[in-house]
Amino acid sequence: MNRPSTRGPPGPIRFRTSLHNTIYDVLKARGWKETDSDTDWELNWASIEWMRENFDHMHLDDSQRVSHFRNMYELTRKDLLIKNLKRMRKTLEKEDKHAEAAKYDFFPSTFVLPAE
């Protein structure tokens, strides 16, 4: 797979990672080029620690991707996911967007014990 033409001449996709595991082996086997640059890459397979330390202080170009969402635990923990879905529904209802808020009625009743 070649990189998008918006970042220069076609060539192998440049990636950056501090992890040397199966993902690293797959990226190399695909012919992608590893780079040590802090800014000149299309994919950064980052550790969670790297995301916490760096993501808020950088701007990604349209062609750049990272392997984690910022605060991804908000989506991967059931209690936090439900909290965010409920908050979004409540926000939409306060803005009188009831039809849009009704779309957030797809998850079952959920409780966090012993808090609720």
PDB file of N, CA and C in Angstrom:
ATOM      1  N   MET A   1       0.845  -1.174   0.000  1.00  0.00           N
ATOM      2  CA  MET A   1       0.000   0.000   0.000  1.00  0.00           C
ATOM      3  C   MET A   1       0.892   1.239   0.000  1.00  0.00           C
ATOM      4  N   ASN A   2       0.579   2.172  -0.864  1.00  0.00           N
ATOM      5  CA  ASN A   2       1.355   3.405  -0.951  1.00  0.00           C
ATOM      6  C   ASN A   2       0.668   4.514  -0.184  1.00  0.00           C
ATOM      7  N   ARG A   3       1.452   5.474   0.224  1.00  0.00           N
ATOM      8  CA  ARG A   3       0.900   6.591   0.970  1.00  0.00           C
ATOM      9  C   ARG A   3       0.143   7.527   0.040  1.00  0.00           C
ATOM     10  N   PRO A   4      -0.748   8.351   0.593  1.00  0.00           N
ATOM     11  CA  PRO A   4      -1.510   9.299  -0.213  1.00  0.00           C
ATOM     12  C   PRO A   4      -0.590  10.302  -0.896  1.00  0.00           C
ATOM     13  N   SER A   5      -0.997  10.758  -2.058  1.00  0.00           N
ATOM     14  CA  SER A   5      -0.165  11.676  -2.836  1.00  0.00           C
ATOM     15  C   SER A   5      -0.134  13.079  -2.252  1.00  0.00           C
ATOM     16  N   THR A   6      -0.999  13.398  -1.282  1.00  0.00           N
ATOM     17  CA  THR A   6      -1.032  14.744  -0.721  1.00  0.00           C
ATOM     18  C   THR A   6       0.194  15.057   0.128  1.00  0.00           C
ATOM     19  N   ARG A   7       0.965  14.042   0.525  1.00  0.00           N
ATOM     20  CA  ARG A   7       2.132  14.277   1.380  1.00  0.00           C
ATOM     21  C   ARG A   7       3.436  14.069   0.626  1.00  0.00           C
ATOM     22  N   GLY A   8       3.410  14.133  -0.658  1.00  0.00           N
ATOM     23  CA  GLY A   8       4.647  13.959  -1.400  1.00  0.00           C
ATOM     24  C   GLY A   8       4.519  12.858  -2.422  1.00  0.00           C
ATOM     25  N   PRO A   9       5.639  12.475  -3.016  1.00  0.00           N
ATOM     26  CA  PRO A   9       5.593  11.453  -4.058  1.00  0.00           C
ATOM     27  C   PRO A   9       5.160  10.104  -3.485  1.00  0.00           C
ATOM     28  N   PRO A  10       4.500   9.289  -4.324  1.00  0.00           N
ATOM     29  CA  PRO A  10       4.067   7.974  -3.841  1.00  0.00           C
ATOM     30  C   PRO A  10       5.257   7.146  -3.375  1.00  0.00           C
ATOM     31  N   GLY A  11       5.011   6.324  -2.423  1.00  0.00           N
ATOM     32  CA  GLY A  11       6.045   5.460  -1.870  1.00  0.00           C
ATOM     33  C   GLY A  11       5.470   4.678  -0.716  1.00  0.00           C
ATOM     34  N   PRO A  12       6.309   3.950  -0.032  1.00  0.00           N
ATOM     35  CA  PRO A  12       5.796   3.161   1.090  1.00  0.00           C
ATOM     36  C   PRO A  12       5.266   4.055   2.208  1.00  0.00           C
ATOM     37  N   ILE A  13       4.274   3.571   2.900  1.00  0.00           N
ATOM     38  CA  ILE A  13       3.718   4.297   4.038  1.00  0.00           C
ATOM     39  C   ILE A  13       4.760   4.337   5.145  1.00  0.00           C
ATOM     40  N   ARG A  14       4.929   5.518   5.730  1.00  0.00           N
ATOM     41  CA  ARG A  14       5.873   5.690   6.833  1.00  0.00           C
ATOM     42  C   ARG A  14       5.131   5.472   8.150  1.00  0.00           C
ATOM     43  N   PHE A  15       5.734   4.678   9.015  1.00  0.00           N
ATOM     44  CA  PHE A  15       5.118   4.443  10.319  1.00  0.00           C
ATOM     45  C   PHE A  15       6.124   4.685  11.422  1.00  0.00           C
ATOM     46  N   ARG A  16       5.574   4.949  12.594  1.00  0.00           N
ATOM     47  CA  ARG A  16       6.393   5.177  13.781  1.00  0.00           C
ATOM     48  C   ARG A  16       5.813   4.331  14.897  1.00  0.00           C
ATOM     49  N   THR A  17       6.664   3.665  15.655  1.00  0.00           N
ATOM     50  CA  THR A  17       6.211   2.886  16.800  1.00  0.00           C
ATOM     51  C   THR A  17       7.356   2.687  17.777  1.00  0.00           C
ATOM     52  N   SER A  18       7.003   2.603  19.038  1.00  0.00           N
ATOM     53  CA  SER A  18       7.999   2.263  20.055  1.00  0.00           C
ATOM     54  C   SER A  18       7.852   0.804  20.464  1.00  0.00           C
ATOM     55  N   LEU A  19       6.863   0.141  19.910  1.00  0.00           N
ATOM     56  CA  LEU A  19       6.584  -1.253  20.245  1.00  0.00           C
ATOM     57  C   LEU A  19       7.157  -2.164  19.169  1.00  0.00           C
ATOM     58  N   HIS A  20       7.832  -3.197  19.566  1.00  0.00           N
ATOM     59  CA  HIS A  20       8.364  -4.168  18.608  1.00  0.00           C
ATOM     60  C   HIS A  20       7.713  -5.511  18.907  1.00  0.00           C
ATOM     61  N   ASN A  21       6.547  -5.691  18.299  1.00  0.00           N
ATOM     62  CA  ASN A  21       5.752  -6.887  18.524  1.00  0.00           C
ATOM     63  C   ASN A  21       5.204  -7.377  17.183  1.00  0.00           C
ATOM     64  N   THR A  22       4.141  -8.126  17.204  1.00  0.00           N
ATOM     65  CA  THR A  22       3.560  -8.656  15.971  1.00  0.00           C
ATOM     66  C   THR A  22       3.146  -7.541  15.021  1.00  0.00           C
ATOM     67  N   ILE A  23       2.595  -6.457  15.562  1.00  0.00           N
ATOM     68  CA  ILE A  23       2.186  -5.330  14.715  1.00  0.00           C
ATOM     69  C   ILE A  23       3.394  -4.795  13.951  1.00  0.00           C
ATOM     70  N   TYR A  24       4.496  -4.623  14.628  1.00  0.00           N
ATOM     71  CA  TYR A  24       5.726  -4.149  13.989  1.00  0.00           C
ATOM     72  C   TYR A  24       6.136  -5.094  12.860  1.00  0.00           C
ATOM     73  N   ASP A  25       6.107  -6.385  13.129  1.00  0.00           N
ATOM     74  CA  ASP A  25       6.485  -7.377  12.112  1.00  0.00           C
ATOM     75  C   ASP A  25       5.572  -7.298  10.891  1.00  0.00           C
ATOM     76  N   VAL A  26       4.276  -7.112  11.115  1.00  0.00           N
ATOM     77  CA  VAL A  26       3.317  -7.024  10.007  1.00  0.00           C
ATOM     78  C   VAL A  26       3.561  -5.765   9.183  1.00  0.00           C
ATOM     79  N   LEU A  27       3.785  -4.635   9.836  1.00  0.00           N
ATOM     80  CA  LEU A  27       4.036  -3.385   9.110  1.00  0.00           C
ATOM     81  C   LEU A  27       5.282  -3.502   8.238  1.00  0.00           C
ATOM     82  N   LYS A  28       6.341  -4.085   8.789  1.00  0.00           N
ATOM     83  CA  LYS A  28       7.576  -4.277   8.012  1.00  0.00           C
ATOM     84  C   LYS A  28       7.348  -5.253   6.855  1.00  0.00           C
ATOM     85  N   ALA A  29       6.607  -6.334   7.101  1.00  0.00           N
ATOM     86  CA  ALA A  29       6.345  -7.331   6.058  1.00  0.00           C
ATOM     87  C   ALA A  29       5.530  -6.739   4.911  1.00  0.00           C
ATOM     88  N   ARG A  30       4.715  -5.723   5.194  1.00  0.00           N
ATOM     89  CA  ARG A  30       3.928  -5.062   4.151  1.00  0.00           C
ATOM     90  C   ARG A  30       4.771  -4.090   3.327  1.00  0.00           C
ATOM     91  N   GLY A  31       6.021  -3.910   3.716  1.00  0.00           N
ATOM     92  CA  GLY A  31       6.892  -3.007   2.976  1.00  0.00           C
ATOM     93  C   GLY A  31       6.800  -1.567   3.442  1.00  0.00           C
ATOM     94  N   TRP A  32       6.165  -1.322   4.573  1.00  0.00           N
ATOM     95  CA  TRP A  32       6.076   0.024   5.100  1.00  0.00           C
ATOM     96  C   TRP A  32       7.420   0.425   5.693  1.00  0.00           C
ATOM     97  N   LYS A  33       7.695   1.727   5.703  1.00  0.00           N
ATOM     98  CA  LYS A  33       9.004   2.229   6.116  1.00  0.00           C
ATOM     99  C   LYS A  33       8.924   2.827   7.515  1.00  0.00           C
ATOM    100  N   GLU A  34       9.783   2.337   8.392  1.00  0.00           N
ATOM    101  CA  GLU A  34       9.830   2.869   9.756  1.00  0.00           C
ATOM    102  C   GLU A  34      10.577   4.199   9.750  1.00  0.00           C
ATOM    103  N   THR A  35      10.088   5.148  10.540  1.00  0.00           N
ATOM    104  CA  THR A  35      10.734   6.446  10.664  1.00  0.00           C
ATOM    105  C   THR A  35      10.859   6.808  12.139  1.00  0.00           C
ATOM    106  N   ASP A  36      11.888   7.559  12.468  1.00  0.00           N
ATOM    107  CA  ASP A  36      12.072   8.049  13.835  1.00  0.00           C
ATOM    108  C   ASP A  36      11.547   9.472  13.995  1.00  0.00           C
ATOM    109  N   SER A  37      11.063  10.049  12.909  1.00  0.00           N
ATOM    110  CA  SER A  37      10.595  11.429  12.929  1.00  0.00           C
ATOM    111  C   SER A  37       9.386  11.590  13.854  1.00  0.00           C
ATOM    112  N   ASP A  38       9.333  12.709  14.542  1.00  0.00           N
ATOM    113  CA  ASP A  38       8.188  13.000  15.405  1.00  0.00           C
ATOM    114  C   ASP A  38       6.975  13.467  14.614  1.00  0.00           C
ATOM    115  N   THR A  39       7.184  13.909  13.368  1.00  0.00           N
ATOM    116  CA  THR A  39       6.076  14.488  12.607  1.00  0.00           C
ATOM    117  C   THR A  39       5.866  13.881  11.225  1.00  0.00           C
ATOM    118  N   ASP A  40       6.863  13.249  10.646  1.00  0.00           N
ATOM    119  CA  ASP A  40       6.793  12.784   9.256  1.00  0.00           C
ATOM    120  C   ASP A  40       6.439  11.294   9.196  1.00  0.00           C
ATOM    121  N   TRP A  41       5.145  10.984   9.402  1.00  0.00           N
ATOM    122  CA  TRP A  41       4.669   9.610   9.368  1.00  0.00           C
ATOM    123  C   TRP A  41       3.187   9.623   8.995  1.00  0.00           C
ATOM    124  N   GLU A  42       2.700   8.490   8.501  1.00  0.00           N
ATOM    125  CA  GLU A  42       1.271   8.352   8.221  1.00  0.00           C
ATOM    126  C   GLU A  42       0.568   7.549   9.319  1.00  0.00           C
ATOM    127  N   LEU A  43       1.274   6.625   9.955  1.00  0.00           N
ATOM    128  CA  LEU A  43       0.712   5.815  11.032  1.00  0.00           C
ATOM    129  C   LEU A  43       1.660   5.824  12.218  1.00  0.00           C
ATOM    130  N   ASN A  44       1.113   6.117  13.380  1.00  0.00           N
ATOM    131  CA  ASN A  44       1.882   6.021  14.618  1.00  0.00           C
ATOM    132  C   ASN A  44       1.193   4.974  15.485  1.00  0.00           C
ATOM    133  N   TRP A  45       1.812   3.798  15.579  1.00  0.00           N
ATOM    134  CA  TRP A  45       1.270   2.748  16.440  1.00  0.00           C
ATOM    135  C   TRP A  45       1.818   3.028  17.834  1.00  0.00           C
ATOM    136  N   ALA A  46       1.033   3.780  18.598  1.00  0.00           N
ATOM    137  CA  ALA A  46       1.507   4.351  19.853  1.00  0.00           C
ATOM    138  C   ALA A  46       1.047   3.546  21.058  1.00  0.00           C
ATOM    139  N   SER A  47       1.826   3.646  22.104  1.00  0.00           N
ATOM    140  CA  SER A  47       1.416   3.063  23.381  1.00  0.00           C
ATOM    141  C   SER A  47       0.417   4.014  24.039  1.00  0.00           C
ATOM    142  N   ILE A  48      -0.326   3.509  24.987  1.00  0.00           N
ATOM    143  CA  ILE A  48      -1.290   4.340  25.707  1.00  0.00           C
ATOM    144  C   ILE A  48      -0.561   5.464  26.434  1.00  0.00           C
ATOM    145  N   GLU A  49       0.608   5.167  26.975  1.00  0.00           N
ATOM    146  CA  GLU A  49       1.386   6.184  27.676  1.00  0.00           C
ATOM    147  C   GLU A  49       1.783   7.315  26.730  1.00  0.00           C
ATOM    148  N   TRP A  50       2.191   6.964  25.501  1.00  0.00           N
ATOM    149  CA  TRP A  50       2.568   7.986  24.524  1.00  0.00           C
ATOM    150  C   TRP A  50       1.373   8.882  24.223  1.00  0.00           C
ATOM    151  N   MET A  51       0.199   8.282  24.081  1.00  0.00           N
ATOM    152  CA  MET A  51      -1.007   9.068  23.798  1.00  0.00           C
ATOM    153  C   MET A  51      -1.278  10.055  24.925  1.00  0.00           C
ATOM    154  N   ARG A  52      -1.175   9.605  26.152  1.00  0.00           N
ATOM    155  CA  ARG A  52      -1.433  10.488  27.300  1.00  0.00           C
ATOM    156  C   ARG A  52      -0.446  11.652  27.344  1.00  0.00           C
ATOM    157  N   GLU A  53       0.808  11.378  27.030  1.00  0.00           N
ATOM    158  CA  GLU A  53       1.849  12.400  27.129  1.00  0.00           C
ATOM    159  C   GLU A  53       1.854  13.372  25.954  1.00  0.00           C
ATOM    160  N   ASN A  54       1.485  12.914  24.757  1.00  0.00           N
ATOM    161  CA  ASN A  54       1.717  13.718  23.560  1.00  0.00           C
ATOM    162  C   ASN A  54       0.481  14.186  22.808  1.00  0.00           C
ATOM    163  N   PHE A  55      -0.602  13.469  22.868  1.00  0.00           N
ATOM    164  CA  PHE A  55      -1.701  13.731  21.950  1.00  0.00           C
ATOM    165  C   PHE A  55      -2.299  15.125  22.094  1.00  0.00           C
ATOM    166  N   ASP A  56      -2.389  15.643  23.304  1.00  0.00           N
ATOM    167  CA  ASP A  56      -2.977  16.970  23.507  1.00  0.00           C
ATOM    168  C   ASP A  56      -2.085  18.099  23.010  1.00  0.00           C
ATOM    169  N   HIS A  57      -0.822  17.805  22.724  1.00  0.00           N
ATOM    170  CA  HIS A  57       0.139  18.843  22.344  1.00  0.00           C
ATOM    171  C   HIS A  57       0.525  18.777  20.872  1.00  0.00           C
ATOM    172  N   MET A  58      -0.264  18.091  20.067  1.00  0.00           N
ATOM    173  CA  MET A  58       0.109  17.946  18.662  1.00  0.00           C
ATOM    174  C   MET A  58      -1.110  18.096  17.767  1.00  0.00           C
ATOM    175  N   HIS A  59      -0.846  18.331  16.500  1.00  0.00           N
ATOM    176  CA  HIS A  59      -1.894  18.424  15.491  1.00  0.00           C
ATOM    177  C   HIS A  59      -1.618  17.365  14.431  1.00  0.00           C
ATOM    178  N   LEU A  60      -2.620  16.548  14.127  1.00  0.00           N
ATOM    179  CA  LEU A  60      -2.462  15.524  13.097  1.00  0.00           C
ATOM    180  C   LEU A  60      -2.866  16.077  11.742  1.00  0.00           C
ATOM    181  N   ASP A  61      -2.085  15.773  10.721  1.00  0.00           N
ATOM    182  CA  ASP A  61      -2.480  16.084   9.351  1.00  0.00           C
ATOM    183  C   ASP A  61      -3.618  15.153   8.953  1.00  0.00           C
ATOM    184  N   ASP A  62      -4.316  15.481   7.869  1.00  0.00           N
ATOM    185  CA  ASP A  62      -5.431  14.652   7.406  1.00  0.00           C
ATOM    186  C   ASP A  62      -5.009  13.229   7.083  1.00  0.00           C
ATOM    187  N   SER A  63      -3.765  13.032   6.689  1.00  0.00           N
ATOM    188  CA  SER A  63      -3.312  11.695   6.296  1.00  0.00           C
ATOM    189  C   SER A  63      -2.683  10.915   7.449  1.00  0.00           C
ATOM    190  N   GLN A  64      -2.614  11.501   8.639  1.00  0.00           N
ATOM    191  CA  GLN A  64      -1.977  10.823   9.771  1.00  0.00           C
ATOM    192  C   GLN A  64      -3.010  10.116  10.645  1.00  0.00           C
ATOM    193  N   ARG A  65      -2.634   8.920  11.107  1.00  0.00           N
ATOM    194  CA  ARG A  65      -3.499   8.108  11.962  1.00  0.00           C
ATOM    195  C   ARG A  65      -2.700   7.613  13.161  1.00  0.00           C
ATOM    196  N   VAL A  66      -3.385   7.472  14.295  1.00  0.00           N
ATOM    197  CA  VAL A  66      -2.787   6.879  15.487  1.00  0.00           C
ATOM    198  C   VAL A  66      -3.618   5.667  15.887  1.00  0.00           C
ATOM    199  N   SER A  67      -3.028   4.793  16.682  1.00  0.00           N
ATOM    200  CA  SER A  67      -3.654   3.508  16.982  1.00  0.00           C
ATOM    201  C   SER A  67      -4.644   3.541  18.141  1.00  0.00           C
ATOM    202  N   HIS A  68      -4.770   4.655  18.829  1.00  0.00           N
ATOM    203  CA  HIS A  68      -5.681   4.737  19.973  1.00  0.00           C
ATOM    204  C   HIS A  68      -6.466   6.036  19.920  1.00  0.00           C
ATOM    205  N   PHE A  69      -7.662   6.013  20.490  1.00  0.00           N
ATOM    206  CA  PHE A  69      -8.404   7.237  20.734  1.00  0.00           C
ATOM    207  C   PHE A  69      -7.877   7.846  22.021  1.00  0.00           C
ATOM    208  N   ARG A  70      -7.895   9.155  22.102  1.00  0.00           N
ATOM    209  CA  ARG A  70      -7.570   9.811  23.361  1.00  0.00           C
ATOM    210  C   ARG A  70      -8.667   9.428  24.359  1.00  0.00           C
ATOM    211  N   ASN A  71      -8.288   9.124  25.566  1.00  0.00           N
ATOM    212  CA  ASN A  71      -9.224   8.693  26.619  1.00  0.00           C
ATOM    213  C   ASN A  71     -10.076   7.508  26.185  1.00  0.00           C
ATOM    214  N   MET A  72      -9.459   6.566  25.497  1.00  0.00           N
ATOM    215  CA  MET A  72     -10.202   5.427  24.959  1.00  0.00           C
ATOM    216  C   MET A  72     -10.895   4.612  26.034  1.00  0.00           C
ATOM    217  N   TYR A  73     -10.408   4.684  27.262  1.00  0.00           N
ATOM    218  CA  TYR A  73     -11.055   3.946  28.345  1.00  0.00           C
ATOM    219  C   TYR A  73     -12.489   4.421  28.557  1.00  0.00           C
ATOM    220  N   GLU A  74     -12.809   5.645  28.121  1.00  0.00           N
ATOM    221  CA  GLU A  74     -14.182   6.143  28.213  1.00  0.00           C
ATOM    222  C   GLU A  74     -15.124   5.337  27.316  1.00  0.00           C
ATOM    223  N   LEU A  75     -14.582   4.678  26.307  1.00  0.00           N
ATOM    224  CA  LEU A  75     -15.394   3.858  25.404  1.00  0.00           C
ATOM    225  C   LEU A  75     -15.287   2.374  25.700  1.00  0.00           C
ATOM    226  N   THR A  76     -14.212   1.956  26.324  1.00  0.00           N
ATOM    227  CA  THR A  76     -13.979   0.525  26.496  1.00  0.00           C
ATOM    228  C   THR A  76     -14.439  -0.009  27.847  1.00  0.00           C
ATOM    229  N   ARG A  77     -14.784   0.872  28.761  1.00  0.00           N
ATOM    230  CA  ARG A  77     -15.353   0.427  30.039  1.00  0.00           C
ATOM    231  C   ARG A  77     -16.859   0.634  29.991  1.00  0.00           C
ATOM    232  N   LYS A  78     -17.604  -0.415  30.277  1.00  0.00           N
ATOM    233  CA  LYS A  78     -19.064  -0.359  30.152  1.00  0.00           C
ATOM    234  C   LYS A  78     -19.665   0.773  30.977  1.00  0.00           C
ATOM    235  N   ASP A  79     -19.220   0.947  32.218  1.00  0.00           N
ATOM    236  CA  ASP A  79     -19.804   1.982  33.065  1.00  0.00           C
ATOM    237  C   ASP A  79     -19.557   3.381  32.503  1.00  0.00           C
ATOM    238  N   LEU A  80     -18.363   3.627  31.967  1.00  0.00           N
ATOM    239  CA  LEU A  80     -18.059   4.951  31.409  1.00  0.00           C
ATOM    240  C   LEU A  80     -18.740   5.166  30.062  1.00  0.00           C
ATOM    241  N   LEU A  81     -18.851   4.119  29.267  1.00  0.00           N
ATOM    242  CA  LEU A  81     -19.560   4.226  27.992  1.00  0.00           C
ATOM    243  C   LEU A  81     -21.013   4.613  28.230  1.00  0.00           C
ATOM    244  N   ILE A  82     -21.677   3.931  29.152  1.00  0.00           N
ATOM    245  CA  ILE A  82     -23.077   4.239  29.458  1.00  0.00           C
ATOM    246  C   ILE A  82     -23.205   5.655  30.003  1.00  0.00           C
ATOM    247  N   LYS A  83     -22.279   6.057  30.864  1.00  0.00           N
ATOM    248  CA  LYS A  83     -22.305   7.419  31.410  1.00  0.00           C
ATOM    249  C   LYS A  83     -22.274   8.443  30.276  1.00  0.00           C
ATOM    250  N   ASN A  84     -21.423   8.233  29.287  1.00  0.00           N
ATOM    251  CA  ASN A  84     -21.312   9.167  28.167  1.00  0.00           C
ATOM    252  C   ASN A  84     -22.546   9.139  27.272  1.00  0.00           C
ATOM    253  N   LEU A  85     -23.104   7.953  27.042  1.00  0.00           N
ATOM    254  CA  LEU A  85     -24.325   7.866  26.233  1.00  0.00           C
ATOM    255  C   LEU A  85     -25.490   8.577  26.924  1.00  0.00           C
ATOM    256  N   LYS A  86     -25.631   8.373  28.228  1.00  0.00           N
ATOM    257  CA  LYS A  86     -26.700   9.046  28.976  1.00  0.00           C
ATOM    258  C   LYS A  86     -26.500  10.554  28.967  1.00  0.00           C
ATOM    259  N   ARG A  87     -25.259  10.993  29.116  1.00  0.00           N
ATOM    260  CA  ARG A  87     -24.970  12.429  29.117  1.00  0.00           C
ATOM    261  C   ARG A  87     -25.300  13.054  27.763  1.00  0.00           C
ATOM    262  N   MET A  88     -24.983  12.348  26.677  1.00  0.00           N
ATOM    263  CA  MET A  88     -25.293  12.871  25.348  1.00  0.00           C
ATOM    264  C   MET A  88     -26.797  12.974  25.143  1.00  0.00           C
ATOM    265  N   ARG A  89     -27.527  11.945  25.569  1.00  0.00           N
ATOM    266  CA  ARG A  89     -28.987  11.975  25.429  1.00  0.00           C
ATOM    267  C   ARG A  89     -29.568  13.145  26.221  1.00  0.00           C
ATOM    268  N   LYS A  90     -29.086  13.347  27.446  1.00  0.00           N
ATOM    269  CA  LYS A  90     -29.577  14.438  28.287  1.00  0.00           C
ATOM    270  C   LYS A  90     -29.256  15.802  27.669  1.00  0.00           C
ATOM    271  N   THR A  91     -28.070  15.946  27.112  1.00  0.00           N
ATOM    272  CA  THR A  91     -27.680  17.198  26.451  1.00  0.00           C
ATOM    273  C   THR A  91     -28.605  17.504  25.281  1.00  0.00           C
ATOM    274  N   LEU A  92     -28.897  16.505  24.471  1.00  0.00           N
ATOM    275  CA  LEU A  92     -29.790  16.706  23.325  1.00  0.00           C
ATOM    276  C   LEU A  92     -31.199  17.074  23.775  1.00  0.00           C
ATOM    277  N   GLU A  93     -31.676  16.454  24.843  1.00  0.00           N
ATOM    278  CA  GLU A  93     -33.010  16.787  25.358  1.00  0.00           C
ATOM    279  C   GLU A  93     -33.061  18.224  25.856  1.00  0.00           C
ATOM    280  N   LYS A  94     -32.002  18.688  26.518  1.00  0.00           N
ATOM    281  CA  LYS A  94     -31.952  20.077  26.992  1.00  0.00           C
ATOM    282  C   LYS A  94     -31.957  21.067  25.832  1.00  0.00           C
ATOM    283  N   GLU A  95     -31.418  20.646  24.687  1.00  0.00           N
ATOM    284  CA  GLU A  95     -31.381  21.502  23.498  1.00  0.00           C
ATOM    285  C   GLU A  95     -32.645  21.344  22.654  1.00  0.00           C
ATOM    286  N   ASP A  96     -33.674  20.700  23.209  1.00  0.00           N
ATOM    287  CA  ASP A  96     -34.950  20.443  22.518  1.00  0.00           C
ATOM    288  C   ASP A  96     -34.772  19.665  21.223  1.00  0.00           C
ATOM    289  N   LYS A  97     -33.817  18.776  21.200  1.00  0.00           N
ATOM    290  CA  LYS A  97     -33.593  17.890  20.049  1.00  0.00           C
ATOM    291  C   LYS A  97     -34.064  16.492  20.438  1.00  0.00           C
ATOM    292  N   HIS A  98     -35.364  16.388  20.722  1.00  0.00           N
ATOM    293  CA  HIS A  98     -35.924  15.149  21.256  1.00  0.00           C
ATOM    294  C   HIS A  98     -35.859  14.001  20.261  1.00  0.00           C
ATOM    295  N   ALA A  99     -36.037  14.277  18.986  1.00  0.00           N
ATOM    296  CA  ALA A  99     -35.955  13.207  17.979  1.00  0.00           C
ATOM    297  C   ALA A  99     -34.540  12.638  17.930  1.00  0.00           C
ATOM    298  N   GLU A 100     -33.566  13.505  18.018  1.00  0.00           N
ATOM    299  CA  GLU A 100     -32.168  13.052  18.020  1.00  0.00           C
ATOM    300  C   GLU A 100     -31.848  12.303  19.317  1.00  0.00           C
ATOM    301  N   ALA A 101     -32.350  12.808  20.440  1.00  0.00           N
ATOM    302  CA  ALA A 101     -32.118  12.161  21.735  1.00  0.00           C
ATOM    303  C   ALA A 101     -32.735  10.769  21.771  1.00  0.00           C
ATOM    304  N   ALA A 102     -33.858  10.583  21.095  1.00  0.00           N
ATOM    305  CA  ALA A 102     -34.528   9.274  21.072  1.00  0.00           C
ATOM    306  C   ALA A 102     -33.658   8.209  20.413  1.00  0.00           C
ATOM    307  N   LYS A 103     -32.739   8.613  19.571  1.00  0.00           N
ATOM    308  CA  LYS A 103     -31.834   7.658  18.923  1.00  0.00           C
ATOM    309  C   LYS A 103     -30.869   7.027  19.928  1.00  0.00           C
ATOM    310  N   TYR A 104     -30.741   7.630  21.101  1.00  0.00           N
ATOM    311  CA  TYR A 104     -29.850   7.105  22.138  1.00  0.00           C
ATOM    312  C   TYR A 104     -30.586   6.164  23.092  1.00  0.00           C
ATOM    313  N   ASP A 105     -31.693   5.620  22.646  1.00  0.00           N
ATOM    314  CA  ASP A 105     -32.479   4.695  23.462  1.00  0.00           C
ATOM    315  C   ASP A 105     -32.262   3.260  23.002  1.00  0.00           C
ATOM    316  N   PHE A 106     -31.045   2.914  22.652  1.00  0.00           N
ATOM    317  CA  PHE A 106     -30.757   1.585  22.107  1.00  0.00           C
ATOM    318  C   PHE A 106     -30.066   0.660  23.102  1.00  0.00           C
ATOM    319  N   PHE A 107     -29.687   1.158  24.267  1.00  0.00           N
ATOM    320  CA  PHE A 107     -28.975   0.311  25.223  1.00  0.00           C
ATOM    321  C   PHE A 107     -29.898  -0.026  26.397  1.00  0.00           C
ATOM    322  N   PRO A 108     -29.695  -1.183  27.011  1.00  0.00           N
ATOM    323  CA  PRO A 108     -30.568  -1.603  28.116  1.00  0.00           C
ATOM    324  C   PRO A 108     -30.311  -0.776  29.374  1.00  0.00           C
ATOM    325  N   SER A 109     -31.250  -0.850  30.293  1.00  0.00           N
ATOM    326  CA  SER A 109     -31.049  -0.197  31.592  1.00  0.00           C
ATOM    327  C   SER A 109     -29.772  -0.741  32.209  1.00  0.00           C
ATOM    328  N   THR A 110     -28.939   0.168  32.656  1.00  0.00           N
ATOM    329  CA  THR A 110     -27.632  -0.215  33.180  1.00  0.00           C
ATOM    330  C   THR A 110     -27.408   0.490  34.506  1.00  0.00           C
ATOM    331  N   PHE A 111     -26.823  -0.230  35.445  1.00  0.00           N
ATOM    332  CA  PHE A 111     -26.583   0.327  36.769  1.00  0.00           C
ATOM    333  C   PHE A 111     -25.136   0.083  37.170  1.00  0.00           C
ATOM    334  N   VAL A 112     -24.605   1.029  37.938  1.00  0.00           N
ATOM    335  CA  VAL A 112     -23.276   0.873  38.514  1.00  0.00           C
ATOM    336  C   VAL A 112     -23.492   0.625  40.004  1.00  0.00           C
ATOM    337  N   LEU A 113     -23.242  -0.588  40.424  1.00  0.00           N
ATOM    338  CA  LEU A 113     -23.466  -0.952  41.824  1.00  0.00           C
ATOM    339  C   LEU A 113     -22.172  -0.798  42.617  1.00  0.00           C
ATOM    340  N   PRO A 114     -22.183  -0.359  43.821  1.00  0.00           N
ATOM    341  CA  PRO A 114     -23.336  -0.013  44.649  1.00  0.00           C
ATOM    342  C   PRO A 114     -23.753   1.449  44.530  1.00  0.00           C
ATOM    343  N   ALA A 115     -23.211   2.202  43.597  1.00  0.00           N
ATOM    344  CA  ALA A 115     -23.499   3.637  43.488  1.00  0.00           C
ATOM    345  C   ALA A 115     -24.960   3.929  43.147  1.00  0.00           C
ATOM    346  N   GLU A 116     -25.594   3.079  42.360  1.00  0.00           N
ATOM    347  CA  GLU A 116     -26.981   3.355  41.943  1.00  0.00           C
ATOM    348  C   GLU A 116     -27.938   2.368  42.560  1.00  0.00           C
TER     349      GLU A 116
END
